[in-house]
N, C-alpha and C. Protein backbone atom coordinates (compact mmCIF):
# COMPACT_ATOMS: atom_id res chain seq x y z
N UNK A 1 25.28 -28.75 -2.16
CA UNK A 1 23.80 -27.59 -2.53
C UNK A 1 22.80 -28.59 -1.66
N UNK A 2 22.18 -27.97 -0.72
CA UNK A 2 20.85 -28.95 -0.28
C UNK A 2 19.64 -29.01 -1.07
N UNK A 3 19.41 -29.97 -1.24
CA UNK A 3 18.20 -30.42 -1.89
C UNK A 3 16.82 -30.19 -1.59
N UNK A 4 16.14 -28.85 -1.46
CA UNK A 4 14.96 -28.88 -0.60
C UNK A 4 13.70 -29.52 -1.38
N UNK A 5 12.36 -30.36 -0.78
CA UNK A 5 11.39 -30.38 -1.62
C UNK A 5 10.25 -29.63 -1.86
N UNK A 6 9.68 -29.47 -2.97
CA UNK A 6 8.75 -28.88 -3.26
C UNK A 6 7.86 -28.98 -2.06
N UNK A 7 7.33 -27.78 -1.45
CA UNK A 7 5.99 -27.40 -0.27
C UNK A 7 4.67 -28.68 -0.99
N UNK A 8 3.87 -28.64 -0.36
CA UNK A 8 2.56 -29.72 -0.59
C UNK A 8 1.60 -28.65 -0.86
N UNK A 9 0.54 -29.04 -1.79
CA UNK A 9 -0.10 -28.68 -2.50
C UNK A 9 -1.09 -27.23 -1.52
N UNK A 10 -1.19 -27.88 -0.39
CA UNK A 10 -2.48 -27.05 1.04
C UNK A 10 -1.30 -25.56 1.15
N UNK A 11 0.16 -26.29 1.23
CA UNK A 11 1.02 -24.95 1.86
C UNK A 11 1.04 -24.14 0.79
N UNK A 12 0.93 -24.40 -0.87
CA UNK A 12 0.99 -23.58 -1.64
C UNK A 12 0.06 -22.59 -1.70
N UNK A 13 -1.07 -23.36 -1.85
CA UNK A 13 -2.56 -22.49 -1.40
C UNK A 13 -2.34 -21.22 -0.89
N UNK A 14 -2.17 -21.83 0.34
CA UNK A 14 -1.92 -20.66 1.88
C UNK A 14 -1.04 -19.82 1.05
N UNK A 15 0.03 -19.70 0.44
CA UNK A 15 0.91 -18.79 0.20
C UNK A 15 0.29 -17.94 -0.89
N UNK A 16 -0.28 -18.36 -1.71
CA UNK A 16 -1.07 -18.34 -3.17
C UNK A 16 -2.03 -17.36 -2.75
N UNK A 17 -2.96 -17.52 -1.64
CA UNK A 17 -4.05 -16.77 -1.02
C UNK A 17 -3.33 -15.43 -0.15
N UNK A 18 -2.35 -15.79 0.58
CA UNK A 18 -1.41 -14.74 1.15
C UNK A 18 -1.37 -13.51 0.08
N UNK A 19 -0.47 -13.90 -0.76
CA UNK A 19 0.02 -13.00 -2.00
C UNK A 19 -1.57 -12.32 -2.28
N UNK A 20 -2.15 -13.14 -2.65
CA UNK A 20 -3.45 -12.79 -3.41
C UNK A 20 -4.08 -11.26 -2.53
N UNK A 21 -4.39 -11.82 -0.96
CA UNK A 21 -4.68 -10.60 -0.31
C UNK A 21 -3.63 -9.59 -0.13
N UNK A 22 -2.37 -9.51 0.19
CA UNK A 22 -1.47 -8.89 0.26
C UNK A 22 -1.58 -7.73 -1.54
N UNK A 23 -1.95 -8.54 -2.30
CA UNK A 23 -1.91 -7.19 -3.10
C UNK A 23 -3.37 -6.63 -3.56
N UNK A 24 -4.68 -7.48 -3.04
CA UNK A 24 -5.70 -6.88 -2.91
C UNK A 24 -5.44 -5.64 -2.19
N UNK A 25 -5.14 -5.81 -1.09
CA UNK A 25 -4.98 -5.12 0.05
C UNK A 25 -4.23 -3.75 -0.38
N UNK A 26 -3.15 -3.86 -1.26
CA UNK A 26 -2.33 -2.58 -1.94
C UNK A 26 -3.12 -2.06 -2.74
N UNK A 27 -3.81 -2.73 -3.91
CA UNK A 27 -4.67 -2.29 -4.85
C UNK A 27 -6.30 -1.35 -4.45
N UNK A 28 -6.16 -1.91 -2.92
CA UNK A 28 -7.39 -1.17 -2.38
C UNK A 28 -6.98 0.20 -1.68
N UNK A 29 -5.85 -0.16 -1.04
CA UNK A 29 -5.15 1.00 -0.29
C UNK A 29 -4.87 2.44 -1.62
N UNK A 30 -4.36 2.05 -2.46
CA UNK A 30 -4.17 2.46 -3.95
C UNK A 30 -5.36 3.64 -4.32
N UNK A 31 -6.22 2.74 -4.38
CA UNK A 31 -7.95 2.91 -5.01
C UNK A 31 -8.28 4.00 -3.94
N UNK A 32 -7.93 3.68 -2.59
CA UNK A 32 -8.67 4.52 -1.95
C UNK A 32 -7.97 5.96 -1.61
N UNK A 33 -6.64 5.93 -2.05
CA UNK A 33 -5.79 7.10 -1.90
C UNK A 33 -6.00 7.77 -3.08
N UNK A 34 -6.41 7.19 -4.24
CA UNK A 34 -6.82 8.02 -5.41
C UNK A 34 -8.57 8.62 -5.68
N UNK A 35 -9.05 7.93 -4.84
CA UNK A 35 -10.64 8.59 -4.57
C UNK A 35 -10.51 9.69 -3.48
N UNK A 36 -9.70 9.73 -2.21
CA UNK A 36 -9.74 11.11 -1.24
C UNK A 36 -9.05 11.96 -2.71
N UNK A 37 -7.95 11.63 -3.35
CA UNK A 37 -7.63 12.96 -3.85
C UNK A 37 -8.19 13.22 -4.74
N UNK A 38 -8.86 12.65 -5.33
CA UNK A 38 -9.92 12.95 -6.78
C UNK A 38 -10.40 14.05 -6.19
N UNK A 39 -11.71 13.67 -5.04
CA UNK A 39 -12.45 13.92 -4.16
C UNK A 39 -12.09 15.80 -3.87
N UNK A 40 -11.01 15.73 -3.23
CA UNK A 40 -9.81 16.95 -2.71
C UNK A 40 -10.10 17.97 -3.84
N UNK A 41 -8.96 17.24 -4.55
CA UNK A 41 -8.38 18.04 -5.92
C UNK A 41 -9.26 18.13 -7.13
N UNK A 42 -10.28 17.65 -7.34
CA UNK A 42 -10.86 17.80 -8.47
C UNK A 42 -12.41 18.36 -7.75
N UNK A 43 -12.37 18.08 -7.17
CA UNK A 43 -14.07 18.51 -6.09
C UNK A 43 -15.05 17.41 -6.61
N UNK A 44 -14.66 16.24 -6.69
CA UNK A 44 -15.10 15.52 -7.08
C UNK A 44 -16.28 14.24 -6.51
N UNK A 45 -17.52 14.23 -6.97
CA UNK A 45 -18.39 13.02 -5.67
C UNK A 45 -17.71 11.82 -5.83
N UNK A 46 -18.06 11.16 -4.53
CA UNK A 46 -17.23 9.96 -4.25
C UNK A 46 -17.13 9.04 -5.50
N UNK A 47 -18.32 8.74 -6.13
CA UNK A 47 -18.41 8.03 -7.35
C UNK A 47 -17.76 8.59 -8.62
N UNK A 48 -17.72 9.85 -8.94
CA UNK A 48 -16.83 10.12 -9.95
C UNK A 48 -15.56 10.18 -9.48
N UNK A 49 -14.88 10.10 -8.51
CA UNK A 49 -13.81 9.86 -7.93
C UNK A 49 -13.23 8.25 -8.19
N UNK A 50 -14.50 7.90 -7.82
CA UNK A 50 -13.94 6.36 -7.84
C UNK A 50 -13.69 5.88 -9.22
N UNK A 51 -14.51 6.24 -9.75
CA UNK A 51 -14.17 5.93 -11.55
C UNK A 51 -12.88 6.42 -11.56
N UNK A 52 -12.68 7.81 -11.74
CA UNK A 52 -11.02 8.13 -12.25
C UNK A 52 -10.42 7.65 -11.46
N UNK A 53 -10.48 7.53 -10.42
CA UNK A 53 -9.19 6.70 -9.75
C UNK A 53 -9.00 5.13 -10.27
N UNK A 54 -9.99 4.60 -10.58
CA UNK A 54 -10.46 3.21 -11.22
C UNK A 54 -9.21 2.98 -12.45
N UNK A 55 -10.23 3.75 -13.25
CA UNK A 55 -9.50 3.79 -14.56
C UNK A 55 -7.63 4.28 -14.56
N UNK A 56 -7.28 5.13 -13.69
CA UNK A 56 -6.07 5.53 -13.77
C UNK A 56 -5.14 4.71 -13.25
N UNK A 57 -5.83 3.58 -11.91
CA UNK A 57 -4.98 2.48 -11.20
C UNK A 57 -4.78 1.52 -12.52
N UNK A 58 -5.70 1.28 -13.52
CA UNK A 58 -5.85 0.09 -14.21
C UNK A 58 -4.94 0.74 -15.59
N UNK A 59 -4.62 1.72 -15.52
CA UNK A 59 -4.01 2.46 -16.96
C UNK A 59 -4.84 2.69 -18.40
N UNK A 60 -6.31 3.15 -18.00
CA UNK A 60 -6.80 3.26 -18.98
C UNK A 60 -6.93 4.99 -19.61
N UNK A 61 -6.60 5.68 -18.01
CA UNK A 61 -6.50 7.14 -18.61
C UNK A 61 -7.68 7.90 -17.61
N UNK A 62 -7.49 9.22 -17.95
CA UNK A 62 -8.35 9.89 -16.76
C UNK A 62 -9.74 9.98 -17.73
N UNK A 63 -10.62 10.55 -17.12
CA UNK A 63 -12.20 10.68 -16.94
C UNK A 63 -12.80 12.14 -17.24
N UNK A 64 -12.15 12.66 -15.91
CA UNK A 64 -12.24 14.04 -15.77
C UNK A 64 -10.96 14.83 -15.95
N UNK A 65 -11.25 16.21 -16.59
CA UNK A 65 -10.30 17.11 -16.98
C UNK A 65 -9.79 17.88 -15.81
N UNK A 66 -8.80 18.13 -15.68
CA UNK A 66 -8.51 18.81 -14.55
C UNK A 66 -8.02 20.28 -14.61
N UNK A 67 -8.71 20.90 -13.76
CA UNK A 67 -8.98 23.08 -13.79
C UNK A 67 -8.05 23.47 -13.04
N UNK A 68 -7.16 22.89 -11.98
CA UNK A 68 -6.16 23.77 -11.29
C UNK A 68 -4.76 23.09 -11.70
N UNK A 69 -3.64 23.94 -11.04
CA UNK A 69 -2.35 23.16 -11.24
C UNK A 69 -2.45 22.11 -10.24
N UNK A 70 -3.01 22.30 -9.24
CA UNK A 70 -2.85 21.22 -7.76
C UNK A 70 -3.47 19.75 -8.32
N UNK A 71 -4.62 20.21 -9.09
CA UNK A 71 -5.26 18.88 -9.83
C UNK A 71 -4.33 18.02 -10.74
N UNK A 72 -3.81 18.88 -11.55
CA UNK A 72 -3.08 17.99 -12.56
C UNK A 72 -1.46 17.81 -11.84
N UNK A 73 -1.25 18.37 -10.69
CA UNK A 73 -0.14 17.72 -10.40
C UNK A 73 -0.89 16.21 -9.47
N UNK A 74 -1.58 16.25 -8.80
CA UNK A 74 -2.22 15.00 -8.14
C UNK A 74 -2.35 13.98 -8.76
N UNK A 75 -2.74 14.69 -10.21
CA UNK A 75 -3.13 13.53 -11.49
C UNK A 75 -1.61 12.69 -11.41
N UNK A 76 -0.67 13.56 -11.80
CA UNK A 76 0.43 13.50 -12.63
C UNK A 76 1.57 12.42 -11.32
N UNK A 77 1.47 12.63 -10.14
CA UNK A 77 1.68 11.82 -9.60
C UNK A 77 0.63 10.34 -8.91
N UNK A 78 -0.05 10.61 -9.11
CA UNK A 78 -1.24 8.99 -8.68
C UNK A 78 -0.84 8.39 -9.64
N UNK A 79 -0.70 8.94 -11.00
CA UNK A 79 -0.62 8.05 -12.18
C UNK A 79 0.76 7.36 -12.18
N UNK A 80 2.30 7.72 -11.96
CA UNK A 80 3.25 7.64 -11.53
C UNK A 80 2.82 6.56 -10.72
N UNK A 81 2.32 6.44 -9.24
CA UNK A 81 2.16 5.95 -8.39
C UNK A 81 1.44 4.60 -8.63
N UNK A 82 0.38 4.82 -9.66
CA UNK A 82 -0.75 3.69 -9.88
C UNK A 82 -0.13 2.34 -10.97
N UNK A 83 0.81 3.24 -11.66
CA UNK A 83 1.52 2.37 -12.20
C UNK A 83 2.44 1.16 -11.81
N UNK A 84 3.27 1.69 -10.88
CA UNK A 84 4.00 1.01 -10.26
C UNK A 84 3.20 0.29 -8.93
N UNK A 85 1.99 0.65 -8.22
CA UNK A 85 1.33 -0.29 -7.54
C UNK A 85 0.74 -1.25 -7.98
N UNK A 86 0.50 -0.85 -9.70
CA UNK A 86 -0.35 -2.38 -10.25
C UNK A 86 0.61 -3.43 -10.56
N UNK A 87 1.69 -2.73 -11.23
CA UNK A 87 2.63 -3.50 -11.56
C UNK A 87 3.51 -4.46 -10.03
N UNK A 88 3.49 -4.10 -9.36
CA UNK A 88 3.75 -4.58 -8.08
C UNK A 88 3.00 -5.41 -7.33
N UNK A 89 1.57 -5.12 -7.76
CA UNK A 89 0.69 -5.65 -7.34
C UNK A 89 0.67 -7.73 -8.09
N UNK A 90 0.61 -7.29 -9.46
CA UNK A 90 0.74 -8.44 -10.37
C UNK A 90 2.21 -9.37 -10.01
N UNK A 91 3.10 -8.63 -9.68
CA UNK A 91 4.19 -8.97 -8.74
C UNK A 91 4.09 -10.04 -7.89
N UNK A 92 3.20 -9.52 -6.81
CA UNK A 92 2.93 -10.49 -5.64
C UNK A 92 2.31 -11.43 -6.17
N UNK A 93 1.48 -11.30 -6.76
CA UNK A 93 0.60 -12.37 -7.03
C UNK A 93 1.28 -13.69 -8.05
N UNK A 94 2.15 -13.09 -8.72
CA UNK A 94 2.56 -14.16 -9.43
C UNK A 94 3.69 -14.65 -8.61
N UNK A 95 4.21 -13.93 -7.95
CA UNK A 95 5.47 -14.85 -7.17
C UNK A 95 5.71 -16.17 -6.50
N UNK A 96 4.62 -16.58 -6.07
CA UNK A 96 4.66 -17.92 -5.80
C UNK A 96 4.28 -18.86 -6.88
N UNK A 97 3.87 -18.57 -7.99
CA UNK A 97 3.23 -19.49 -9.16
C UNK A 97 4.96 -19.61 -9.77
N UNK A 98 5.60 -18.76 -9.70
CA UNK A 98 7.13 -18.58 -10.77
C UNK A 98 8.24 -19.49 -9.84
N UNK A 99 8.07 -18.98 -8.64
CA UNK A 99 9.09 -19.50 -7.55
C UNK A 99 8.75 -20.96 -7.36
N UNK A 100 7.23 -21.53 -7.56
CA UNK A 100 6.95 -23.05 -7.66
C UNK A 100 7.69 -23.72 -8.74
N UNK A 101 7.22 -22.66 -10.05
CA UNK A 101 7.77 -23.18 -11.36
C UNK A 101 9.11 -23.53 -11.29
N UNK A 102 10.35 -22.55 -10.95
CA UNK A 102 11.47 -22.68 -11.03
C UNK A 102 12.00 -23.41 -10.05
N UNK A 103 11.26 -23.73 -8.94
CA UNK A 103 12.06 -24.95 -8.14
C UNK A 103 11.81 -26.39 -8.81
N UNK A 104 10.61 -26.52 -9.56
CA UNK A 104 9.80 -27.68 -9.67
C UNK A 104 10.93 -28.01 -10.58
N UNK A 105 11.31 -27.08 -11.74
CA UNK A 105 12.31 -26.95 -12.85
C UNK A 105 13.68 -27.56 -12.83
N UNK A 106 14.22 -26.78 -11.34
CA UNK A 106 15.30 -27.18 -10.49
C UNK A 106 15.43 -28.34 -10.02
N UNK A 107 14.15 -28.95 -9.99
CA UNK A 107 14.17 -30.20 -8.77
C UNK A 107 14.37 -31.07 -10.34
N UNK A 108 13.50 -31.08 -10.73
CA UNK A 108 13.70 -31.99 -12.38
C UNK A 108 15.11 -31.99 -12.96
N UNK A 109 15.65 -30.74 -13.06
CA UNK A 109 17.09 -30.91 -13.95
C UNK A 109 17.83 -31.84 -12.61
N UNK A 110 18.01 -31.67 -11.54
CA UNK A 110 18.87 -31.87 -10.70
C UNK A 110 18.80 -33.58 -10.71
N UNK A 111 17.28 -34.18 -11.26
CA UNK A 111 16.87 -35.78 -10.94
C UNK A 111 17.59 -36.36 -12.30
N UNK A 112 17.73 -35.12 -13.27
CA UNK A 112 18.17 -35.78 -14.59
C UNK A 112 20.03 -36.01 -14.27
N UNK A 113 20.35 -35.88 -13.62
CA UNK A 113 22.37 -35.99 -13.62
C UNK A 113 22.42 -37.24 -12.77
């Protein structure tokens, strides 16, 4: 088994920034999707739609009450999507940290042999 060195702090910071930007992009896209959906299905202005989309995306719950079946269906699918999108963004941000920790731990274990 080959033993790879730990990447430099500068390279690690670049990876971390890249992951953060990717996760931020995913969250921004998800928020935009929610705002457009709430404006269309709930007939909300953009500020109220932003509030509802933000609350659902962060797991806090809805603010506005769905009046139509199409609004209820949208809210159901957006809530499911939001849960996955939020957890994915957390995983994308934490992946470089976890990878570095496990890599360093593995190197430390091999040094003990």
